[in-house]
Each structure stands twice: as structure tokens, then as C-alpha cells.
Amino acid sequence: LVFLSPPWGGPSYIQAPIYTLDMLQPKGGYATFQAAQKIAPNVIMFLPRTVDVNQVEELSWLSCPPLDFTSEESYVDHRLIGTTAYFGQIARPPSTWLNWDDE
């Protein structure tokens, strides 16, 4: 499992109404995700709250084979702080996690 929380570009990231993966530092979201996949088949990314979730989901389609995907909004004190994206078996329901060795 690889957990990523790449730099979002400093405080100025909040000025963008929609945060795209190419804004991630230092290499962009696609390159960062590909590097993580070389390490482990399950990847979690913590991203800005304004991230384009449809673009993030595309990362799962571009994988070969395509990966399971889910995302959730992350809150602290009732305030949205980010989006967490899950790729691979970690995106499946917890009841299936016991069977990771089968794949």
C-alpha cells in the first residue's frame, strides 16, 4: 500500500476553483500515481478539496488492468479539508480485504 499526500502547490492552490492533477508538485498527478503503482498495487491519494474527482478517477481507467476506485471527502471539525482517493483492492468493500492474497 502506498499513501500519497503530494504538495499541492502552497497556499495559492486554494485560488483555483477546480484543482487539476497537473497542479500537483513536483511532477503532476499522473506521474506521481504511476510511480506509486510501481511500488504497490493499492494506492491512496490525499488531495485538495477542490480536486476534479472525475479526473482522479481517470487514473484508475488508465491503469492496466483498470483498478477499482472510490473516493471520500475528508472533514475536520465539520470543515471539508480534502478528498481521499482509493485505487486497487483498497477501494473495495472492507469485507473483501481478507482475500488480498488471492490476487
C-alpha atoms as a PDB file:
ATOM      1  CA  LEU A   1       0.000   0.000   0.000  1.00  0.00           C
ATOM      2  CA  VAL A   2       1.287   3.453  -0.926  1.00  0.00           C
ATOM      3  CA  PHE A   3      -0.202   6.565   0.691  1.00  0.00           C
ATOM      4  CA  LEU A   4       0.417   9.804  -1.195  1.00  0.00           C
ATOM      5  CA  SER A   5      -0.122  13.333   0.044  1.00  0.00           C
ATOM      6  CA  PRO A   6       1.909  15.241  -2.532  1.00  0.00           C
ATOM      7  CA  PRO A   7       2.483  19.003  -2.241  1.00  0.00           C
ATOM      8  CA  TRP A   8      -0.476  20.928  -3.584  1.00  0.00           C
ATOM      9  CA  GLY A   9       1.489  23.996  -4.628  1.00  0.00           C
ATOM     10  CA  GLY A  10       1.391  26.097  -1.468  1.00  0.00           C
ATOM     11  CA  PRO A  11      -1.386  28.352  -0.185  1.00  0.00           C
ATOM     12  CA  SER A  12      -2.138  29.655  -3.683  1.00  0.00           C
ATOM     13  CA  TYR A  13      -3.742  26.305  -4.630  1.00  0.00           C
ATOM     14  CA  ILE A  14      -6.963  27.439  -2.957  1.00  0.00           C
ATOM     15  CA  GLN A  15      -7.373  30.207  -5.552  1.00  0.00           C
ATOM     16  CA  ALA A  16      -8.085  27.667  -8.291  1.00  0.00           C
ATOM     17  CA  PRO A  17     -11.836  26.908  -8.366  1.00  0.00           C
ATOM     18  CA  ILE A  18     -11.030  23.401  -9.634  1.00  0.00           C
ATOM     19  CA  TYR A  19      -7.742  21.744  -8.785  1.00  0.00           C
ATOM     20  CA  THR A  20      -6.378  19.558 -11.581  1.00  0.00           C
ATOM     21  CA  LEU A  21      -3.838  16.762 -11.250  1.00  0.00           C
ATOM     22  CA  ASP A  22      -1.222  18.598 -13.301  1.00  0.00           C
ATOM     23  CA  MET A  23      -1.051  21.182 -10.475  1.00  0.00           C
ATOM     24  CA  LEU A  24       0.451  18.624  -8.050  1.00  0.00           C
ATOM     25  CA  GLN A  25       4.105  19.214  -7.238  1.00  0.00           C
ATOM     26  CA  PRO A  26       6.744  18.366  -8.392  1.00  0.00           C
ATOM     27  CA  LYS A  27       5.739  16.116 -11.337  1.00  0.00           C
ATOM     28  CA  GLY A  28       1.939  16.200 -11.565  1.00  0.00           C
ATOM     29  CA  GLY A  29      -0.634  13.648 -10.513  1.00  0.00           C
ATOM     30  CA  TYR A  30      -0.286  11.204 -13.391  1.00  0.00           C
ATOM     31  CA  ALA A  31       3.474  10.741 -12.991  1.00  0.00           C
ATOM     32  CA  THR A  32       3.166  10.538  -9.207  1.00  0.00           C
ATOM     33  CA  PHE A  33       0.455   7.883  -9.471  1.00  0.00           C
ATOM     34  CA  GLN A  34       2.464   5.823 -11.977  1.00  0.00           C
ATOM     35  CA  ALA A  35       5.493   5.881  -9.667  1.00  0.00           C
ATOM     36  CA  ALA A  36       3.330   4.699  -6.753  1.00  0.00           C
ATOM     37  CA  GLN A  37       1.925   1.828  -8.836  1.00  0.00           C
ATOM     38  CA  LYS A  38       5.454   0.540  -9.405  1.00  0.00           C
ATOM     39  CA  ILE A  39       5.785   0.162  -5.630  1.00  0.00           C
ATOM     40  CA  ALA A  40       2.403  -1.359  -4.702  1.00  0.00           C
ATOM     41  CA  PRO A  41      -0.923  -2.289  -6.343  1.00  0.00           C
ATOM     42  CA  ASN A  42      -3.001  -0.350  -3.783  1.00  0.00           C
ATOM     43  CA  VAL A  43      -2.691   3.434  -3.730  1.00  0.00           C
ATOM     44  CA  ILE A  44      -4.340   6.088  -1.578  1.00  0.00           C
ATOM     45  CA  MET A  45      -4.049   9.777  -2.514  1.00  0.00           C
ATOM     46  CA  PHE A  46      -4.976  12.675  -0.235  1.00  0.00           C
ATOM     47  CA  LEU A  47      -5.850  15.619  -2.477  1.00  0.00           C
ATOM     48  CA  PRO A  48      -7.262  19.157  -2.216  1.00  0.00           C
ATOM     49  CA  ARG A  49     -10.973  19.535  -1.554  1.00  0.00           C
ATOM     50  CA  THR A  50     -11.463  21.223  -4.935  1.00  0.00           C
ATOM     51  CA  VAL A  51      -9.807  18.431  -6.931  1.00  0.00           C
ATOM     52  CA  ASP A  52     -11.606  17.288 -10.076  1.00  0.00           C
ATOM     53  CA  VAL A  53     -12.723  13.837  -8.873  1.00  0.00           C
ATOM     54  CA  ASN A  54     -13.605  12.751 -12.424  1.00  0.00           C
ATOM     55  CA  GLN A  55     -10.015  13.425 -13.460  1.00  0.00           C
ATOM     56  CA  VAL A  56      -8.737  11.496 -10.445  1.00  0.00           C
ATOM     57  CA  GLU A  57     -10.975   8.547 -11.371  1.00  0.00           C
ATOM     58  CA  GLU A  58      -9.384   8.526 -14.832  1.00  0.00           C
ATOM     59  CA  LEU A  59      -6.180   7.305 -13.169  1.00  0.00           C
ATOM     60  CA  SER A  60      -7.974   4.011 -12.461  1.00  0.00           C
ATOM     61  CA  TRP A  61      -9.080   3.628 -16.093  1.00  0.00           C
ATOM     62  CA  LEU A  62      -5.598   4.341 -17.428  1.00  0.00           C
ATOM     63  CA  SER A  63      -4.115   1.519 -15.380  1.00  0.00           C
ATOM     64  CA  CYS A  64      -3.669  -1.877 -16.971  1.00  0.00           C
ATOM     65  CA  PRO A  65      -5.750  -3.657 -15.898  1.00  0.00           C
ATOM     66  CA  PRO A  66      -8.163  -0.929 -14.756  1.00  0.00           C
ATOM     67  CA  LEU A  67      -8.259  -0.503 -10.980  1.00  0.00           C
ATOM     68  CA  ASP A  68     -11.184  -0.304  -8.593  1.00  0.00           C
ATOM     69  CA  PHE A  69     -11.747   3.285  -7.465  1.00  0.00           C
ATOM     70  CA  THR A  70     -13.625   5.130  -4.768  1.00  0.00           C
ATOM     71  CA  SER A  71     -13.225   8.491  -3.087  1.00  0.00           C
ATOM     72  CA  GLU A  72     -14.439  10.230   0.028  1.00  0.00           C
ATOM     73  CA  GLU A  73     -14.478  13.738   1.366  1.00  0.00           C
ATOM     74  CA  SER A  74     -12.367  14.302   4.486  1.00  0.00           C
ATOM     75  CA  TYR A  75     -13.629  16.623   7.222  1.00  0.00           C
ATOM     76  CA  VAL A  76     -12.124  18.122  10.380  1.00  0.00           C
ATOM     77  CA  ASP A  77     -14.458  19.994  12.745  1.00  0.00           C
ATOM     78  CA  HIS A  78     -17.247  19.866  10.134  1.00  0.00           C
ATOM     79  CA  ARG A  79     -14.988  21.592   7.590  1.00  0.00           C
ATOM     80  CA  LEU A  80     -14.098  19.935   4.287  1.00  0.00           C
ATOM     81  CA  ILE A  81     -10.303  19.743   4.129  1.00  0.00           C
ATOM     82  CA  GLY A  82      -9.621  17.349   1.270  1.00  0.00           C
ATOM     83  CA  THR A  83     -10.562  14.379  -0.848  1.00  0.00           C
ATOM     84  CA  THR A  84      -9.125  10.920  -0.304  1.00  0.00           C
ATOM     85  CA  ALA A  85      -8.958   8.662  -3.378  1.00  0.00           C
ATOM     86  CA  TYR A  86      -8.511   4.882  -3.137  1.00  0.00           C
ATOM     87  CA  PHE A  87      -7.225   2.719  -6.013  1.00  0.00           C
ATOM     88  CA  GLY A  88      -6.981  -1.071  -6.234  1.00  0.00           C
ATOM     89  CA  GLN A  89      -8.369  -3.594  -3.776  1.00  0.00           C
ATOM     90  CA  ILE A  90      -8.349  -0.962  -1.035  1.00  0.00           C
ATOM     91  CA  ALA A  91     -11.241   0.666  -2.939  1.00  0.00           C
ATOM     92  CA  ARG A  92     -13.391  -2.421  -2.468  1.00  0.00           C
ATOM     93  CA  PRO A  93     -15.746  -3.024   0.472  1.00  0.00           C
ATOM     94  CA  PRO A  94     -13.854  -3.974   3.668  1.00  0.00           C
ATOM     95  CA  SER A  95     -15.469  -7.420   3.695  1.00  0.00           C
ATOM     96  CA  THR A  96     -13.267  -8.337   0.699  1.00  0.00           C
ATOM     97  CA  TRP A  97      -9.981  -7.197   2.247  1.00  0.00           C
ATOM     98  CA  LEU A  98      -9.277 -10.588   3.818  1.00  0.00           C
ATOM     99  CA  ASN A  99      -8.775 -12.069   0.347  1.00  0.00           C
ATOM    100  CA  TRP A 100      -5.919  -9.831  -0.827  1.00  0.00           C
ATOM    101  CA  ASP A 101      -3.534 -12.771  -1.129  1.00  0.00           C
ATOM    102  CA  ASP A 102      -5.787 -14.318  -3.779  1.00  0.00           C
ATOM    103  CA  GLU A 103      -4.891 -11.659  -6.359  1.00  0.00           C
END
